[in-house]
Amino acid sequence: MNEELKLICTTCPKGCTLVVTKEGETIVDVKAGCNRGKNYAHQELTDPRRMVATTVRIEGARHPLLPVYTASPFPKPRIAELMKSLRGVVVHAPIKAGTVIVTNVLDTGIDILASRDM
């Protein structure tokens, strides 16, 4: 039996509504405005990922927290685990924007980078 889902595409500012037809776990059809929408629907339903921005503690700087972000989209189901692991990270000033703070976080192949100089 086919199931129909509606998603809002976030790949561009237009925010098109995508109508996805699934048969079990298989995506049968995506009615979308463009190919990027079709790719987005497939990614969102098979392996959802998000960019994550947060903070880690820093010592020896003017502010107690350093803003950081993931170098590429992170698996959505593991974001809580990521946040818990970053809670224990402490870096020491000075730090330049773009510096790798954590390499290969949680064995995902994704680095955590500093957002600004401190």
PDB file of N, CA and C in Angstrom:
ATOM      1  N   MET A   1       0.848  -1.189   0.000  1.00  0.00           N
ATOM      2  CA  MET A   1       0.000   0.000   0.000  1.00  0.00           C
ATOM      3  C   MET A   1       0.886   1.242   0.000  1.00  0.00           C
ATOM      4  N   ASN A   2       0.578   2.170  -0.856  1.00  0.00           N
ATOM      5  CA  ASN A   2       1.365   3.392  -0.965  1.00  0.00           C
ATOM      6  C   ASN A   2       0.987   4.386   0.124  1.00  0.00           C
ATOM      7  N   GLU A   3       1.987   5.070   0.632  1.00  0.00           N
ATOM      8  CA  GLU A   3       1.809   6.098   1.658  1.00  0.00           C
ATOM      9  C   GLU A   3       2.251   7.426   1.056  1.00  0.00           C
ATOM     10  N   GLU A   4       1.502   8.480   1.335  1.00  0.00           N
ATOM     11  CA  GLU A   4       1.837   9.792   0.801  1.00  0.00           C
ATOM     12  C   GLU A   4       2.239  10.724   1.945  1.00  0.00           C
ATOM     13  N   LEU A   5       3.407  11.337   1.810  1.00  0.00           N
ATOM     14  CA  LEU A   5       3.924  12.260   2.818  1.00  0.00           C
ATOM     15  C   LEU A   5       4.099  13.633   2.194  1.00  0.00           C
ATOM     16  N   LYS A   6       3.990  14.669   3.019  1.00  0.00           N
ATOM     17  CA  LYS A   6       4.269  16.023   2.565  1.00  0.00           C
ATOM     18  C   LYS A   6       5.451  16.557   3.351  1.00  0.00           C
ATOM     19  N   LEU A   7       6.412  17.119   2.630  1.00  0.00           N
ATOM     20  CA  LEU A   7       7.593  17.729   3.233  1.00  0.00           C
ATOM     21  C   LEU A   7       7.729  19.146   2.699  1.00  0.00           C
ATOM     22  N   ILE A   8       8.355  20.002   3.488  1.00  0.00           N
ATOM     23  CA  ILE A   8       8.709  21.339   3.024  1.00  0.00           C
ATOM     24  C   ILE A   8      10.196  21.308   2.710  1.00  0.00           C
ATOM     25  N   CYS A   9      10.543  21.596   1.474  1.00  0.00           N
ATOM     26  CA  CYS A   9      11.935  21.588   1.045  1.00  0.00           C
ATOM     27  C   CYS A   9      12.645  22.815   1.629  1.00  0.00           C
ATOM     28  N   THR A  10      13.836  22.602   2.171  1.00  0.00           N
ATOM     29  CA  THR A  10      14.596  23.705   2.770  1.00  0.00           C
ATOM     30  C   THR A  10      15.904  23.978   2.033  1.00  0.00           C
ATOM     31  N   THR A  11      16.049  23.456   0.816  1.00  0.00           N
ATOM     32  CA  THR A  11      17.309  23.668   0.097  1.00  0.00           C
ATOM     33  C   THR A  11      17.443  25.080  -0.456  1.00  0.00           C
ATOM     34  N   CYS A  12      16.335  25.787  -0.617  1.00  0.00           N
ATOM     35  CA  CYS A  12      16.394  27.179  -1.067  1.00  0.00           C
ATOM     36  C   CYS A  12      15.299  27.971  -0.362  1.00  0.00           C
ATOM     37  N   PRO A  13      15.261  29.269  -0.477  1.00  0.00           N
ATOM     38  CA  PRO A  13      14.282  30.094   0.230  1.00  0.00           C
ATOM     39  C   PRO A  13      12.827  29.925  -0.231  1.00  0.00           C
ATOM     40  N   LYS A  14      12.600  29.296  -1.386  1.00  0.00           N
ATOM     41  CA  LYS A  14      11.226  29.142  -1.881  1.00  0.00           C
ATOM     42  C   LYS A  14      10.361  28.283  -0.956  1.00  0.00           C
ATOM     43  N   GLY A  15      10.919  27.261  -0.346  1.00  0.00           N
ATOM     44  CA  GLY A  15      10.171  26.405   0.580  1.00  0.00           C
ATOM     45  C   GLY A  15       9.049  25.632  -0.094  1.00  0.00           C
ATOM     46  N   CYS A  16       9.341  24.960  -1.201  1.00  0.00           N
ATOM     47  CA  CYS A  16       8.330  24.213  -1.950  1.00  0.00           C
ATOM     48  C   CYS A  16       7.773  23.046  -1.127  1.00  0.00           C
ATOM     49  N   THR A  17       6.501  22.744  -1.339  1.00  0.00           N
ATOM     50  CA  THR A  17       5.887  21.572  -0.731  1.00  0.00           C
ATOM     51  C   THR A  17       6.155  20.373  -1.628  1.00  0.00           C
ATOM     52  N   LEU A  18       6.732  19.330  -1.052  1.00  0.00           N
ATOM     53  CA  LEU A  18       7.023  18.110  -1.793  1.00  0.00           C
ATOM     54  C   LEU A  18       6.011  17.049  -1.396  1.00  0.00           C
ATOM     55  N   VAL A  19       5.466  16.352  -2.351  1.00  0.00           N
ATOM     56  CA  VAL A  19       4.560  15.237  -2.085  1.00  0.00           C
ATOM     57  C   VAL A  19       5.320  13.968  -2.437  1.00  0.00           C
ATOM     58  N   VAL A  20       5.601  13.158  -1.417  1.00  0.00           N
ATOM     59  CA  VAL A  20       6.418  11.963  -1.585  1.00  0.00           C
ATOM     60  C   VAL A  20       5.521  10.740  -1.455  1.00  0.00           C
ATOM     61  N   THR A  21       5.594   9.855  -2.435  1.00  0.00           N
ATOM     62  CA  THR A  21       4.855   8.599  -2.386  1.00  0.00           C
ATOM     63  C   THR A  21       5.845   7.491  -2.048  1.00  0.00           C
ATOM     64  N   LYS A  22       5.540   6.738  -0.980  1.00  0.00           N
ATOM     65  CA  LYS A  22       6.406   5.650  -0.525  1.00  0.00           C
ATOM     66  C   LYS A  22       5.633   4.341  -0.550  1.00  0.00           C
ATOM     67  N   GLU A  23       6.343   3.275  -0.869  1.00  0.00           N
ATOM     68  CA  GLU A  23       5.794   1.929  -0.748  1.00  0.00           C
ATOM     69  C   GLU A  23       6.712   1.202   0.219  1.00  0.00           C
ATOM     70  N   GLY A  24       6.269   1.062   1.457  1.00  0.00           N
ATOM     71  CA  GLY A  24       7.142   0.535   2.505  1.00  0.00           C
ATOM     72  C   GLY A  24       8.242   1.537   2.775  1.00  0.00           C
ATOM     73  N   GLU A  25       9.493   1.107   2.625  1.00  0.00           N
ATOM     74  CA  GLU A  25      10.633   2.005   2.811  1.00  0.00           C
ATOM     75  C   GLU A  25      11.159   2.563   1.486  1.00  0.00           C
ATOM     76  N   THR A  26      10.559   2.163   0.386  1.00  0.00           N
ATOM     77  CA  THR A  26      11.015   2.591  -0.937  1.00  0.00           C
ATOM     78  C   THR A  26      10.283   3.845  -1.382  1.00  0.00           C
ATOM     79  N   ILE A  27      11.039   4.831  -1.838  1.00  0.00           N
ATOM     80  CA  ILE A  27      10.446   6.060  -2.363  1.00  0.00           C
ATOM     81  C   ILE A  27      10.067   5.802  -3.817  1.00  0.00           C
ATOM     82  N   VAL A  28       8.769   5.889  -4.107  1.00  0.00           N
ATOM     83  CA  VAL A  28       8.266   5.604  -5.440  1.00  0.00           C
ATOM     84  C   VAL A  28       8.275   6.852  -6.312  1.00  0.00           C
ATOM     85  N   ASP A  29       7.828   7.997  -5.768  1.00  0.00           N
ATOM     86  CA  ASP A  29       7.703   9.207  -6.564  1.00  0.00           C
ATOM     87  C   ASP A  29       7.821  10.429  -5.668  1.00  0.00           C
ATOM     88  N   VAL A  30       8.400  11.494  -6.213  1.00  0.00           N
ATOM     89  CA  VAL A  30       8.473  12.782  -5.532  1.00  0.00           C
ATOM     90  C   VAL A  30       7.970  13.837  -6.498  1.00  0.00           C
ATOM     91  N   LYS A  31       6.891  14.491  -6.105  1.00  0.00           N
ATOM     92  CA  LYS A  31       6.386  15.600  -6.908  1.00  0.00           C
ATOM     93  C   LYS A  31       6.969  16.862  -6.296  1.00  0.00           C
ATOM     94  N   ALA A  32       7.889  17.483  -7.064  1.00  0.00           N
ATOM     95  CA  ALA A  32       8.622  18.631  -6.523  1.00  0.00           C
ATOM     96  C   ALA A  32       8.812  19.672  -7.606  1.00  0.00           C
ATOM     97  N   GLY A  33       9.258  20.848  -7.179  1.00  0.00           N
ATOM     98  CA  GLY A  33       9.502  21.936  -8.112  1.00  0.00           C
ATOM     99  C   GLY A  33      10.796  21.786  -8.894  1.00  0.00           C
ATOM    100  N   CYS A  34      11.789  21.079  -8.356  1.00  0.00           N
ATOM    101  CA  CYS A  34      13.078  20.953  -9.034  1.00  0.00           C
ATOM    102  C   CYS A  34      13.800  19.686  -8.576  1.00  0.00           C
ATOM    103  N   ASN A  35      14.931  19.395  -9.212  1.00  0.00           N
ATOM    104  CA  ASN A  35      15.706  18.206  -8.851  1.00  0.00           C
ATOM    105  C   ASN A  35      16.287  18.296  -7.448  1.00  0.00           C
ATOM    106  N   ARG A  36      16.610  19.516  -7.008  1.00  0.00           N
ATOM    107  CA  ARG A  36      17.134  19.665  -5.643  1.00  0.00           C
ATOM    108  C   ARG A  36      16.100  19.210  -4.624  1.00  0.00           C
ATOM    109  N   GLY A  37      14.823  19.465  -4.906  1.00  0.00           N
ATOM    110  CA  GLY A  37      13.754  19.021  -4.016  1.00  0.00           C
ATOM    111  C   GLY A  37      13.659  17.511  -3.954  1.00  0.00           C
ATOM    112  N   LYS A  38      13.838  16.866  -5.079  1.00  0.00           N
ATOM    113  CA  LYS A  38      13.811  15.397  -5.114  1.00  0.00           C
ATOM    114  C   LYS A  38      14.977  14.821  -4.314  1.00  0.00           C
ATOM    115  N   ASN A  39      16.156  15.411  -4.484  1.00  0.00           N
ATOM    116  CA  ASN A  39      17.327  14.963  -3.713  1.00  0.00           C
ATOM    117  C   ASN A  39      17.120  15.195  -2.222  1.00  0.00           C
ATOM    118  N   TYR A  40      16.551  16.355  -1.876  1.00  0.00           N
ATOM    119  CA  TYR A  40      16.276  16.677  -0.475  1.00  0.00           C
ATOM    120  C   TYR A  40      15.325  15.654   0.135  1.00  0.00           C
ATOM    121  N   ALA A  41      14.241  15.330  -0.558  1.00  0.00           N
ATOM    122  CA  ALA A  41      13.253  14.373  -0.035  1.00  0.00           C
ATOM    123  C   ALA A  41      13.899  13.014   0.204  1.00  0.00           C
ATOM    124  N   HIS A  42      14.697  12.565  -0.742  1.00  0.00           N
ATOM    125  CA  HIS A  42      15.360  11.264  -0.581  1.00  0.00           C
ATOM    126  C   HIS A  42      16.292  11.284   0.627  1.00  0.00           C
ATOM    127  N   GLN A  43      17.110  12.338   0.744  1.00  0.00           N
ATOM    128  CA  GLN A  43      18.033  12.462   1.879  1.00  0.00           C
ATOM    129  C   GLN A  43      17.283  12.539   3.202  1.00  0.00           C
ATOM    130  N   GLU A  44      16.232  13.340   3.244  1.00  0.00           N
ATOM    131  CA  GLU A  44      15.490  13.562   4.487  1.00  0.00           C
ATOM    132  C   GLU A  44      14.807  12.282   4.975  1.00  0.00           C
ATOM    133  N   LEU A  45      14.353  11.457   4.055  1.00  0.00           N
ATOM    134  CA  LEU A  45      13.635  10.242   4.442  1.00  0.00           C
ATOM    135  C   LEU A  45      14.551   9.046   4.670  1.00  0.00           C
ATOM    136  N   THR A  46      15.770   9.068   4.131  1.00  0.00           N
ATOM    137  CA  THR A  46      16.672   7.934   4.311  1.00  0.00           C
ATOM    138  C   THR A  46      17.775   8.200   5.335  1.00  0.00           C
ATOM    139  N   ASP A  47      18.316   9.403   5.358  1.00  0.00           N
ATOM    140  CA  ASP A  47      19.411   9.734   6.274  1.00  0.00           C
ATOM    141  C   ASP A  47      19.374  11.226   6.596  1.00  0.00           C
ATOM    142  N   PRO A  48      18.437  11.658   7.463  1.00  0.00           N
ATOM    143  CA  PRO A  48      18.332  13.093   7.754  1.00  0.00           C
ATOM    144  C   PRO A  48      19.576  13.617   8.470  1.00  0.00           C
ATOM    145  N   ARG A  49      20.035  14.774   8.016  1.00  0.00           N
ATOM    146  CA  ARG A  49      21.220  15.406   8.602  1.00  0.00           C
ATOM    147  C   ARG A  49      20.968  16.889   8.801  1.00  0.00           C
ATOM    148  N   ARG A  50      21.675  17.480   9.772  1.00  0.00           N
ATOM    149  CA  ARG A  50      21.545  18.895  10.064  1.00  0.00           C
ATOM    150  C   ARG A  50      22.912  19.479  10.385  1.00  0.00           C
ATOM    151  N   MET A  51      23.095  20.756  10.049  1.00  0.00           N
ATOM    152  CA  MET A  51      24.257  21.491  10.532  1.00  0.00           C
ATOM    153  C   MET A  51      23.981  21.802  12.003  1.00  0.00           C
ATOM    154  N   VAL A  52      25.000  21.709  12.833  1.00  0.00           N
ATOM    155  CA  VAL A  52      24.838  21.951  14.267  1.00  0.00           C
ATOM    156  C   VAL A  52      25.774  23.079  14.677  1.00  0.00           C
ATOM    157  N   ALA A  53      25.230  24.062  15.367  1.00  0.00           N
ATOM    158  CA  ALA A  53      26.028  25.156  15.927  1.00  0.00           C
ATOM    159  C   ALA A  53      25.779  25.185  17.427  1.00  0.00           C
ATOM    160  N   THR A  54      26.838  25.267  18.198  1.00  0.00           N
ATOM    161  CA  THR A  54      26.722  25.266  19.661  1.00  0.00           C
ATOM    162  C   THR A  54      27.946  25.976  20.239  1.00  0.00           C
ATOM    163  N   THR A  55      28.241  25.739  21.487  1.00  0.00           N
ATOM    164  CA  THR A  55      29.410  26.331  22.131  1.00  0.00           C
ATOM    165  C   THR A  55      30.167  25.279  22.933  1.00  0.00           C
ATOM    166  N   VAL A  56      31.472  25.532  23.144  1.00  0.00           N
ATOM    167  CA  VAL A  56      32.291  24.743  24.064  1.00  0.00           C
ATOM    168  C   VAL A  56      32.989  25.721  25.003  1.00  0.00           C
ATOM    169  N   ARG A  57      33.429  25.219  26.119  1.00  0.00           N
ATOM    170  CA  ARG A  57      34.108  26.087  27.080  1.00  0.00           C
ATOM    171  C   ARG A  57      35.503  26.453  26.587  1.00  0.00           C
ATOM    172  N   ILE A  58      35.905  27.675  26.903  1.00  0.00           N
ATOM    173  CA  ILE A  58      37.251  28.139  26.550  1.00  0.00           C
ATOM    174  C   ILE A  58      37.857  28.826  27.770  1.00  0.00           C
ATOM    175  N   GLU A  59      39.122  28.546  28.023  1.00  0.00           N
ATOM    176  CA  GLU A  59      39.834  29.168  29.132  1.00  0.00           C
ATOM    177  C   GLU A  59      40.834  30.180  28.591  1.00  0.00           C
ATOM    178  N   GLY A  60      41.015  31.275  29.333  1.00  0.00           N
ATOM    179  CA  GLY A  60      41.988  32.283  28.948  1.00  0.00           C
ATOM    180  C   GLY A  60      41.479  33.272  27.915  1.00  0.00           C
ATOM    181  N   ALA A  61      40.174  33.333  27.740  1.00  0.00           N
ATOM    182  CA  ALA A  61      39.594  34.259  26.763  1.00  0.00           C
ATOM    183  C   ALA A  61      38.683  35.250  27.486  1.00  0.00           C
ATOM    184  N   ARG A  62      38.273  36.281  26.787  1.00  0.00           N
ATOM    185  CA  ARG A  62      37.382  37.294  27.345  1.00  0.00           C
ATOM    186  C   ARG A  62      36.023  36.692  27.710  1.00  0.00           C
ATOM    187  N   HIS A  63      35.543  35.756  26.880  1.00  0.00           N
ATOM    188  CA  HIS A  63      34.241  35.123  27.101  1.00  0.00           C
ATOM    189  C   HIS A  63      34.444  33.669  27.513  1.00  0.00           C
ATOM    190  N   PRO A  64      33.528  33.099  28.281  1.00  0.00           N
ATOM    191  CA  PRO A  64      33.703  31.723  28.754  1.00  0.00           C
ATOM    192  C   PRO A  64      33.336  30.647  27.727  1.00  0.00           C
ATOM    193  N   LEU A  65      32.636  31.029  26.650  1.00  0.00           N
ATOM    194  CA  LEU A  65      32.202  30.037  25.671  1.00  0.00           C
ATOM    195  C   LEU A  65      32.659  30.414  24.266  1.00  0.00           C
ATOM    196  N   LEU A  66      33.088  29.417  23.517  1.00  0.00           N
ATOM    197  CA  LEU A  66      33.529  29.584  22.138  1.00  0.00           C
ATOM    198  C   LEU A  66      32.464  29.003  21.211  1.00  0.00           C
ATOM    199  N   PRO A  67      31.932  29.792  20.278  1.00  0.00           N
ATOM    200  CA  PRO A  67      30.963  29.225  19.337  1.00  0.00           C
ATOM    201  C   PRO A  67      31.648  28.283  18.345  1.00  0.00           C
ATOM    202  N   VAL A  68      31.021  27.131  18.116  1.00  0.00           N
ATOM    203  CA  VAL A  68      31.555  26.119  17.203  1.00  0.00           C
ATOM    204  C   VAL A  68      30.430  25.604  16.305  1.00  0.00           C
ATOM    205  N   TYR A  69      30.811  24.904  15.238  1.00  0.00           N
ATOM    206  CA  TYR A  69      29.825  24.323  14.330  1.00  0.00           C
ATOM    207  C   TYR A  69      30.391  23.068  13.681  1.00  0.00           C
ATOM    208  N   THR A  70      29.516  22.253  13.125  1.00  0.00           N
ATOM    209  CA  THR A  70      29.955  21.051  12.427  1.00  0.00           C
ATOM    210  C   THR A  70      30.431  21.440  11.031  1.00  0.00           C
ATOM    211  N   ALA A  71      31.479  20.792  10.557  1.00  0.00           N
ATOM    212  CA  ALA A  71      32.044  21.097   9.249  1.00  0.00           C
ATOM    213  C   ALA A  71      31.123  20.664   8.105  1.00  0.00           C
ATOM    214  N   SER A  72      30.262  19.698   8.364  1.00  0.00           N
ATOM    215  CA  SER A  72      29.279  19.247   7.380  1.00  0.00           C
ATOM    216  C   SER A  72      28.038  18.761   8.138  1.00  0.00           C
ATOM    217  N   PRO A  73      26.935  18.535   7.451  1.00  0.00           N
ATOM    218  CA  PRO A  73      25.714  18.105   8.144  1.00  0.00           C
ATOM    219  C   PRO A  73      25.925  16.821   8.949  1.00  0.00           C
ATOM    220  N   PHE A  74      25.367  16.812  10.134  1.00  0.00           N
ATOM    221  CA  PHE A  74      25.539  15.732  11.107  1.00  0.00           C
ATOM    222  C   PHE A  74      24.273  14.876  11.142  1.00  0.00           C
ATOM    223  N   PRO A  75      24.387  13.557  11.342  1.00  0.00           N
ATOM    224  CA  PRO A  75      23.195  12.701  11.409  1.00  0.00           C
ATOM    225  C   PRO A  75      22.231  13.167  12.504  1.00  0.00           C
ATOM    226  N   LYS A  76      21.012  13.464  12.104  1.00  0.00           N
ATOM    227  CA  LYS A  76      20.016  14.020  13.017  1.00  0.00           C
ATOM    228  C   LYS A  76      19.751  13.146  14.259  1.00  0.00           C
ATOM    229  N   PRO A  77      19.635  11.820  14.114  1.00  0.00           N
ATOM    230  CA  PRO A  77      19.370  11.004  15.314  1.00  0.00           C
ATOM    231  C   PRO A  77      20.488  11.036  16.356  1.00  0.00           C
ATOM    232  N   ARG A  78      21.674  11.482  15.975  1.00  0.00           N
ATOM    233  CA  ARG A  78      22.817  11.490  16.897  1.00  0.00           C
ATOM    234  C   ARG A  78      23.154  12.866  17.451  1.00  0.00           C
ATOM    235  N   ILE A  79      22.313  13.866  17.202  1.00  0.00           N
ATOM    236  CA  ILE A  79      22.624  15.224  17.666  1.00  0.00           C
ATOM    237  C   ILE A  79      22.676  15.299  19.190  1.00  0.00           C
ATOM    238  N   ALA A  80      21.773  14.641  19.891  1.00  0.00           N
ATOM    239  CA  ALA A  80      21.802  14.663  21.368  1.00  0.00           C
ATOM    240  C   ALA A  80      23.111  14.068  21.883  1.00  0.00           C
ATOM    241  N   GLU A  81      23.565  12.997  21.266  1.00  0.00           N
ATOM    242  CA  GLU A  81      24.836  12.364  21.635  1.00  0.00           C
ATOM    243  C   GLU A  81      26.005  13.318  21.376  1.00  0.00           C
ATOM    244  N   LEU A  82      25.955  14.046  20.263  1.00  0.00           N
ATOM    245  CA  LEU A  82      26.984  15.038  19.941  1.00  0.00           C
ATOM    246  C   LEU A  82      27.029  16.124  21.008  1.00  0.00           C
ATOM    247  N   MET A  83      25.877  16.660  21.358  1.00  0.00           N
ATOM    248  CA  MET A  83      25.821  17.735  22.354  1.00  0.00           C
ATOM    249  C   MET A  83      26.379  17.259  23.693  1.00  0.00           C
ATOM    250  N   LYS A  84      26.045  16.035  24.068  1.00  0.00           N
ATOM    251  CA  LYS A  84      26.550  15.488  25.329  1.00  0.00           C
ATOM    252  C   LYS A  84      28.078  15.355  25.289  1.00  0.00           C
ATOM    253  N   SER A  85      28.618  14.937  24.157  1.00  0.00           N
ATOM    254  CA  SER A  85      30.074  14.777  24.063  1.00  0.00           C
ATOM    255  C   SER A  85      30.794  16.129  24.063  1.00  0.00           C
ATOM    256  N   LEU A  86      30.175  17.164  23.502  1.00  0.00           N
ATOM    257  CA  LEU A  86      30.809  18.488  23.473  1.00  0.00           C
ATOM    258  C   LEU A  86      30.752  19.199  24.815  1.00  0.00           C
ATOM    259  N   ARG A  87      29.863  18.751  25.699  1.00  0.00           N
ATOM    260  CA  ARG A  87      29.756  19.368  27.026  1.00  0.00           C
ATOM    261  C   ARG A  87      31.069  19.290  27.792  1.00  0.00           C
ATOM    262  N   GLY A  88      31.843  18.260  27.556  1.00  0.00           N
ATOM    263  CA  GLY A  88      33.097  18.076  28.289  1.00  0.00           C
ATOM    264  C   GLY A  88      34.318  18.687  27.615  1.00  0.00           C
ATOM    265  N   VAL A  89      34.160  19.307  26.470  1.00  0.00           N
ATOM    266  CA  VAL A  89      35.293  19.869  25.735  1.00  0.00           C
ATOM    267  C   VAL A  89      35.671  21.234  26.309  1.00  0.00           C
ATOM    268  N   VAL A  90      36.969  21.398  26.594  1.00  0.00           N
ATOM    269  CA  VAL A  90      37.509  22.684  27.055  1.00  0.00           C
ATOM    270  C   VAL A  90      38.729  22.989  26.192  1.00  0.00           C
ATOM    271  N   VAL A  91      38.759  24.189  25.611  1.00  0.00           N
ATOM    272  CA  VAL A  91      39.900  24.609  24.797  1.00  0.00           C
ATOM    273  C   VAL A  91      40.572  25.796  25.468  1.00  0.00           C
ATOM    274  N   HIS A  92      41.757  26.121  25.020  1.00  0.00           N
ATOM    275  CA  HIS A  92      42.510  27.230  25.604  1.00  0.00           C
ATOM    276  C   HIS A  92      42.786  28.289  24.535  1.00  0.00           C
ATOM    277  N   ALA A  93      42.598  29.537  24.920  1.00  0.00           N
ATOM    278  CA  ALA A  93      42.848  30.662  24.012  1.00  0.00           C
ATOM    279  C   ALA A  93      44.344  30.753  23.760  1.00  0.00           C
ATOM    280  N   PRO A  94      44.772  31.272  22.648  1.00  0.00           N
ATOM    281  CA  PRO A  94      43.976  31.847  21.561  1.00  0.00           C
ATOM    282  C   PRO A  94      43.524  30.778  20.564  1.00  0.00           C
ATOM    283  N   ILE A  95      42.385  31.018  19.953  1.00  0.00           N
ATOM    284  CA  ILE A  95      41.801  30.145  18.924  1.00  0.00           C
ATOM    285  C   ILE A  95      41.446  31.019  17.729  1.00  0.00           C
ATOM    286  N   LYS A  96      41.765  30.562  16.540  1.00  0.00           N
ATOM    287  CA  LYS A  96      41.406  31.264  15.303  1.00  0.00           C
ATOM    288  C   LYS A  96      40.137  30.645  14.714  1.00  0.00           C
ATOM    289  N   ALA A  97      39.335  31.462  14.054  1.00  0.00           N
ATOM    290  CA  ALA A  97      38.139  30.966  13.374  1.00  0.00           C
ATOM    291  C   ALA A  97      38.540  29.903  12.361  1.00  0.00           C
ATOM    292  N   GLY A  98      37.773  28.816  12.324  1.00  0.00           N
ATOM    293  CA  GLY A  98      38.062  27.721  11.401  1.00  0.00           C
ATOM    294  C   GLY A  98      38.967  26.651  11.962  1.00  0.00           C
ATOM    295  N   THR A  99      39.531  26.887  13.161  1.00  0.00           N
ATOM    296  CA  THR A  99      40.387  25.888  13.795  1.00  0.00           C
ATOM    297  C   THR A  99      39.555  24.651  14.131  1.00  0.00           C
ATOM    298  N   VAL A 100      40.114  23.472  13.871  1.00  0.00           N
ATOM    299  CA  VAL A 100      39.431  22.231  14.223  1.00  0.00           C
ATOM    300  C   VAL A 100      39.515  22.059  15.741  1.00  0.00           C
ATOM    301  N   ILE A 101      38.357  22.000  16.385  1.00  0.00           N
ATOM    302  CA  ILE A 101      38.284  21.849  17.841  1.00  0.00           C
ATOM    303  C   ILE A 101      38.225  20.369  18.213  1.00  0.00           C
ATOM    304  N   VAL A 102      37.423  19.594  17.484  1.00  0.00           N
ATOM    305  CA  VAL A 102      37.341  18.140  17.677  1.00  0.00           C
ATOM    306  C   VAL A 102      37.408  17.502  16.297  1.00  0.00           C
ATOM    307  N   THR A 103      38.327  16.571  16.125  1.00  0.00           N
ATOM    308  CA  THR A 103      38.476  15.856  14.860  1.00  0.00           C
ATOM    309  C   THR A 103      37.640  14.580  14.895  1.00  0.00           C
ATOM    310  N   ASN A 104      36.933  14.293  13.819  1.00  0.00           N
ATOM    311  CA  ASN A 104      36.182  13.047  13.676  1.00  0.00           C
ATOM    312  C   ASN A 104      35.294  12.768  14.892  1.00  0.00           C
ATOM    313  N   VAL A 105      34.461  13.721  15.226  1.00  0.00           N
ATOM    314  CA  VAL A 105      33.617  13.607  16.406  1.00  0.00           C
ATOM    315  C   VAL A 105      32.709  12.380  16.310  1.00  0.00           C
ATOM    316  N   LEU A 106      32.695  11.583  17.354  1.00  0.00           N
ATOM    317  CA  LEU A 106      31.884  10.366  17.463  1.00  0.00           C
ATOM    318  C   LEU A 106      32.092   9.414  16.279  1.00  0.00           C
ATOM    319  N   ASP A 107      33.292   9.391  15.724  1.00  0.00           N
ATOM    320  CA  ASP A 107      33.648   8.523  14.596  1.00  0.00           C
ATOM    321  C   ASP A 107      32.714   8.692  13.395  1.00  0.00           C
ATOM    322  N   THR A 108      32.293   9.928  13.143  1.00  0.00           N
ATOM    323  CA  THR A 108      31.420  10.216  12.006  1.00  0.00           C
ATOM    324  C   THR A 108      32.184  10.756  10.811  1.00  0.00           C
ATOM    325  N   GLY A 109      33.461  11.110  11.010  1.00  0.00           N
ATOM    326  CA  GLY A 109      34.236  11.727   9.947  1.00  0.00           C
ATOM    327  C   GLY A 109      33.991  13.223   9.843  1.00  0.00           C
ATOM    328  N   ILE A 110      33.227  13.777  10.776  1.00  0.00           N
ATOM    329  CA  ILE A 110      32.877  15.195  10.768  1.00  0.00           C
ATOM    330  C   ILE A 110      33.665  15.909  11.860  1.00  0.00           C
ATOM    331  N   ASP A 111      34.261  17.048  11.507  1.00  0.00           N
ATOM    332  CA  ASP A 111      35.020  17.845  12.472  1.00  0.00           C
ATOM    333  C   ASP A 111      34.145  18.940  13.072  1.00  0.00           C
ATOM    334  N   ILE A 112      34.531  19.386  14.264  1.00  0.00           N
ATOM    335  CA  ILE A 112      33.908  20.537  14.913  1.00  0.00           C
ATOM    336  C   ILE A 112      34.885  21.698  14.764  1.00  0.00           C
ATOM    337  N   LEU A 113      34.401  22.826  14.227  1.00  0.00           N
ATOM    338  CA  LEU A 113      35.252  23.979  13.940  1.00  0.00           C
ATOM    339  C   LEU A 113      34.859  25.186  14.771  1.00  0.00           C
ATOM    340  N   ALA A 114      35.845  26.044  15.075  1.00  0.00           N
ATOM    341  CA  ALA A 114      35.593  27.294  15.786  1.00  0.00           C
ATOM    342  C   ALA A 114      34.937  28.287  14.831  1.00  0.00           C
ATOM    343  N   SER A 115      33.940  29.007  15.332  1.00  0.00           N
ATOM    344  CA  SER A 115      33.210  29.989  14.512  1.00  0.00           C
ATOM    345  C   SER A 115      33.877  31.363  14.492  1.00  0.00           C
ATOM    346  N   ARG A 116      34.724  31.652  15.474  1.00  0.00           N
ATOM    347  CA  ARG A 116      35.330  32.983  15.553  1.00  0.00           C
ATOM    348  C   ARG A 116      36.677  32.931  16.253  1.00  0.00           C
ATOM    349  N   ASP A 117      37.420  34.032  16.121  1.00  0.00           N
ATOM    350  CA  ASP A 117      38.683  34.176  16.849  1.00  0.00           C
ATOM    351  C   ASP A 117      38.368  34.473  18.305  1.00  0.00           C
ATOM    352  N   MET A 118      39.161  33.926  19.193  1.00  0.00           N
ATOM    353  CA  MET A 118      39.042  34.246  20.621  1.00  0.00           C
ATOM    354  C   MET A 118      40.403  34.129  21.266  1.00  0.00           C
TER     355      MET A 118
END
